[in-house]
Amino acid sequence: MHKYHTGYVRELIHVGKKKIKIVFEGEAPICLYRGEVRQFDIAVDCEIAPETMEQIYTEVLPKRAKSRALHLLEKKDYTCFQMKKKLREGCYPEEVISDTISYLQAHCFLDDARYAENYLRVHGATDSRRKLQQKLTERGIPRDIIAAQMEEMEAPCEREQVEHLLEKKRYHHDAADRKAQDKMLRFLMARGYAFNLAMECMKATENKGIL
């Protein structure tokens, strides 16, 4: 937990119209509203008393972090990793972020397994397993959760997926020049499909006529 000692203010930086970033000497910065800066009588080169620091870190910031997180979750679902990143952008202390994440998980507002399950349900029919795993990893979901959710997911036929994409793009190998062929190959590989599978399916569209 945070050690509530005197906080020496080195700099005040205006953030937007309502907030001010407080840069401490030897301490991670935090953000407060302008009214709170006035309320706590915070100024450059001043020292904030330990009892005031404690009030800020145990009352003001935790309440605001929870409110901020719930507001974000009203618009879309987040992984724990994504929510931590958002709160860090708001200059919340690590202990406040950790407590907020625990609160959100305890009340089922954050659930990485649920996020992964929903993502796989939406994208599982169109993206390769490699691509799905990559996207979930980028969102900070632990490998064991990804593996468990992908194991439960009905394995898609990647050949059928590629064929569907080629049909959707109205691709015909014999009618495409080298530039178009290379573009389609890059597109399929970017979706996580193997080079050999992409080429086989592309070549299989030859002599099928152009729609």
Protein backbone atom coordinates (compact mmCIF):
# COMPACT_ATOMS: atom_id res chain seq x y z
CA MET A 1 0.00 0.00 0.00
CA HIS A 2 0.95 3.63 -0.39
CA LYS A 3 3.12 5.16 2.31
CA TYR A 4 1.45 8.37 3.39
CA HIS A 5 4.30 10.76 3.86
CA THR A 6 4.65 14.41 2.95
CA GLY A 7 4.23 15.03 -0.78
CA TYR A 8 6.44 17.70 -2.32
CA VAL A 9 4.83 19.26 -5.43
CA ARG A 10 7.33 19.94 -8.20
CA GLU A 11 4.95 20.91 -11.04
CA LEU A 12 1.27 21.41 -11.91
CA ILE A 13 0.22 20.61 -15.48
CA HIS A 14 -3.21 21.48 -16.83
CA VAL A 15 -4.95 18.50 -18.43
CA GLY A 16 -7.92 19.61 -20.49
CA LYS A 17 -10.28 22.15 -18.95
CA LYS A 18 -11.04 20.47 -15.63
CA LYS A 19 -8.03 18.51 -14.40
CA ILE A 20 -4.51 19.23 -13.23
CA LYS A 21 -1.68 16.70 -13.15
CA ILE A 22 0.32 16.96 -9.94
CA VAL A 23 3.96 16.04 -10.41
CA PHE A 24 5.63 15.08 -7.15
CA GLU A 25 9.27 14.86 -6.20
CA GLY A 26 10.09 11.14 -6.16
CA GLU A 27 6.44 10.12 -6.49
CA ALA A 28 4.26 9.03 -9.40
CA PRO A 29 2.01 11.87 -10.66
CA ILE A 30 -1.74 11.95 -10.04
CA CYS A 31 -4.61 13.97 -11.50
CA LEU A 32 -7.10 16.01 -9.51
CA TYR A 33 -9.87 18.38 -10.51
CA ARG A 34 -9.09 22.08 -10.28
CA GLY A 35 -11.54 22.51 -7.42
CA GLU A 36 -9.78 19.77 -5.46
CA VAL A 37 -6.40 21.38 -6.06
CA ARG A 38 -7.82 24.56 -4.53
CA GLN A 39 -9.55 22.61 -1.75
CA PHE A 40 -6.32 20.93 -0.66
CA ASP A 41 -4.35 24.16 -1.19
CA ILE A 42 -1.90 22.50 -3.60
CA ALA A 43 0.69 24.68 -5.31
CA VAL A 44 4.11 24.35 -6.92
CA ASP A 45 6.94 23.99 -4.38
CA CYS A 46 4.49 23.26 -1.59
CA GLU A 47 4.37 20.22 0.69
CA ILE A 48 1.16 18.25 1.09
CA ALA A 49 0.70 16.97 4.63
CA PRO A 50 0.59 13.17 5.20
CA GLU A 51 -3.03 13.28 6.38
CA THR A 52 -4.03 15.11 3.18
CA MET A 53 -2.10 12.62 1.06
CA GLU A 54 -3.93 9.81 2.84
CA GLN A 55 -7.30 11.42 2.15
CA ILE A 56 -6.47 11.83 -1.54
CA TYR A 57 -5.17 8.26 -1.96
CA THR A 58 -7.78 6.43 0.14
CA GLU A 59 -10.93 8.48 -0.48
CA VAL A 60 -10.77 10.77 -3.50
CA LEU A 61 -8.90 8.67 -6.07
CA PRO A 62 -10.42 5.22 -5.32
CA LYS A 63 -13.96 6.57 -5.60
CA ARG A 64 -13.16 8.34 -8.87
CA ALA A 65 -11.33 5.31 -10.35
CA LYS A 66 -14.38 3.08 -9.78
CA SER A 67 -16.67 5.73 -11.26
CA ARG A 68 -14.40 6.13 -14.29
CA ALA A 69 -14.19 2.39 -14.87
CA LEU A 70 -17.94 1.88 -14.63
CA HIS A 71 -18.48 4.75 -17.06
CA LEU A 72 -16.13 3.11 -19.56
CA LEU A 73 -17.89 -0.24 -19.17
CA GLU A 74 -21.23 1.35 -20.00
CA LYS A 75 -19.98 1.83 -23.57
CA LYS A 76 -18.18 -1.48 -24.19
CA ASP A 77 -16.61 -4.49 -22.54
CA TYR A 78 -12.98 -4.40 -21.43
CA THR A 79 -10.36 -6.93 -20.43
CA CYS A 80 -8.49 -6.43 -17.17
CA PHE A 81 -5.40 -5.44 -19.15
CA GLN A 82 -7.31 -2.84 -21.16
CA MET A 83 -8.94 -1.36 -18.06
CA LYS A 84 -5.59 -1.09 -16.27
CA LYS A 85 -4.19 0.75 -19.28
CA LYS A 86 -7.12 3.19 -19.29
CA LEU A 87 -6.75 3.94 -15.59
CA ARG A 88 -2.99 4.40 -15.91
CA GLU A 89 -3.66 6.95 -18.64
CA GLY A 90 -5.69 8.82 -16.02
CA CYS A 91 -2.68 8.86 -13.66
CA TYR A 92 -4.32 6.70 -11.00
CA PRO A 93 -1.81 5.14 -8.56
CA GLU A 94 -1.06 1.45 -9.02
CA GLU A 95 -2.60 0.46 -5.69
CA VAL A 96 -5.81 2.29 -6.60
CA ILE A 97 -5.86 0.57 -9.99
CA SER A 98 -5.30 -2.84 -8.40
CA ASP A 99 -8.12 -2.30 -5.89
CA THR A 100 -10.44 -1.05 -8.64
CA ILE A 101 -9.76 -4.11 -10.82
CA SER A 102 -10.43 -6.40 -7.86
CA TYR A 103 -13.71 -4.58 -7.17
CA LEU A 104 -14.82 -4.85 -10.81
CA GLN A 105 -13.96 -8.55 -10.94
CA ALA A 106 -15.73 -9.29 -7.65
CA HIS A 107 -18.90 -7.67 -9.00
CA CYS A 108 -18.57 -9.38 -12.43
CA PHE A 109 -18.05 -6.11 -14.29
CA LEU A 110 -14.73 -7.44 -15.59
CA ASP A 111 -14.34 -11.05 -16.68
CA ASP A 112 -11.58 -12.05 -19.12
CA ALA A 113 -13.13 -15.47 -19.73
CA ARG A 114 -16.46 -13.90 -20.64
CA TYR A 115 -14.70 -11.38 -22.89
CA ALA A 116 -12.83 -14.17 -24.69
CA GLU A 117 -16.00 -16.25 -25.07
CA ASN A 118 -17.90 -13.31 -26.57
CA TYR A 119 -15.04 -12.39 -28.89
CA LEU A 120 -14.75 -15.95 -30.18
CA ARG A 121 -18.49 -16.16 -30.74
CA VAL A 122 -18.47 -13.00 -32.85
CA HIS A 123 -15.24 -13.55 -34.80
CA GLY A 124 -14.81 -17.31 -34.68
CA ALA A 125 -16.65 -17.93 -37.93
CA THR A 126 -14.52 -15.56 -40.01
CA ASP A 127 -11.02 -15.46 -38.48
CA SER A 128 -8.42 -18.20 -38.25
CA ARG A 129 -7.55 -19.72 -34.89
CA ARG A 130 -4.12 -18.09 -35.11
CA LYS A 131 -5.70 -14.69 -35.67
CA LEU A 132 -8.18 -15.19 -32.85
CA GLN A 133 -5.41 -16.15 -30.44
CA GLN A 134 -3.33 -13.16 -31.55
CA LYS A 135 -6.17 -10.68 -31.02
CA LEU A 136 -7.05 -12.03 -27.58
CA THR A 137 -3.37 -11.99 -26.57
CA GLU A 138 -3.10 -8.35 -27.68
CA ARG A 139 -6.00 -7.58 -25.36
CA GLY A 140 -4.01 -8.98 -22.45
CA ILE A 141 -6.04 -12.11 -21.83
CA PRO A 142 -3.93 -14.83 -20.13
CA ARG A 143 -2.93 -17.80 -22.26
CA ASP A 144 -4.70 -20.34 -20.07
CA ILE A 145 -8.01 -18.50 -20.44
CA ILE A 146 -7.55 -18.24 -24.23
CA ALA A 147 -6.72 -21.94 -24.48
CA ALA A 148 -9.72 -22.95 -22.36
CA GLN A 149 -12.17 -20.82 -24.34
CA MET A 150 -10.79 -21.91 -27.71
CA GLU A 151 -11.02 -25.54 -26.64
CA GLU A 152 -14.72 -25.08 -25.94
CA MET A 153 -15.29 -23.29 -29.24
CA GLU A 154 -16.41 -25.40 -32.15
CA ALA A 155 -13.36 -25.59 -34.38
CA PRO A 156 -14.05 -23.80 -37.67
CA CYS A 157 -13.02 -25.29 -40.98
CA GLU A 158 -10.35 -22.85 -42.10
CA ARG A 159 -10.55 -24.00 -45.71
CA GLU A 160 -14.25 -23.14 -45.77
CA GLN A 161 -13.48 -19.78 -44.18
CA VAL A 162 -10.90 -18.95 -46.85
CA GLU A 163 -13.23 -20.09 -49.62
CA HIS A 164 -15.97 -17.90 -48.19
CA LEU A 165 -13.64 -14.88 -48.10
CA LEU A 166 -12.56 -15.48 -51.70
CA GLU A 167 -16.18 -15.75 -52.79
CA LYS A 168 -17.07 -12.60 -50.87
CA LYS A 169 -14.19 -10.74 -52.55
CA ARG A 170 -15.26 -12.15 -55.95
CA TYR A 171 -11.76 -13.46 -56.47
CA HIS A 172 -10.87 -15.66 -59.48
CA HIS A 173 -7.27 -16.64 -59.81
CA ASP A 174 -7.16 -16.87 -63.59
CA ALA A 175 -8.71 -13.41 -63.95
CA ALA A 176 -6.38 -11.75 -61.42
CA ASP A 177 -3.02 -10.29 -62.39
CA ARG A 178 0.06 -10.78 -60.23
CA LYS A 179 -0.59 -7.61 -58.25
CA ALA A 180 -4.15 -8.70 -57.43
CA GLN A 181 -2.95 -12.19 -56.51
CA ASP A 182 -0.30 -10.83 -54.17
CA LYS A 183 -2.82 -8.46 -52.59
CA MET A 184 -5.27 -11.29 -51.92
CA LEU A 185 -2.51 -13.49 -50.51
CA ARG A 186 -1.45 -10.74 -48.10
CA PHE A 187 -5.07 -10.24 -47.08
CA LEU A 188 -5.56 -13.91 -46.24
CA MET A 189 -2.27 -14.24 -44.41
CA ALA A 190 -3.08 -11.10 -42.41
CA ARG A 191 -6.20 -12.92 -41.25
CA GLY A 192 -3.95 -15.65 -39.89
CA TYR A 193 -4.31 -18.28 -42.61
CA ALA A 194 -1.29 -20.32 -43.63
CA PHE A 195 0.48 -19.53 -46.91
CA ASN A 196 -0.09 -23.01 -48.38
CA LEU A 197 -3.80 -23.05 -47.53
CA ALA A 198 -4.30 -19.54 -48.95
CA MET A 199 -2.54 -20.44 -52.22
CA GLU A 200 -4.45 -23.72 -52.62
CA CYS A 201 -7.79 -22.04 -52.17
CA MET A 202 -6.86 -19.15 -54.46
CA LYS A 203 -5.77 -21.49 -57.24
CA ALA A 204 -8.92 -23.55 -56.78
CA THR A 205 -10.97 -20.58 -58.01
CA GLU A 206 -9.51 -20.91 -61.51
CA ASN A 207 -11.91 -21.50 -64.41
CA LYS A 208 -15.00 -21.00 -62.26
CA GLY A 209 -16.16 -17.97 -64.23
CA ILE A 210 -16.48 -14.43 -63.03
CA LEU A 211 -19.70 -13.50 -61.23
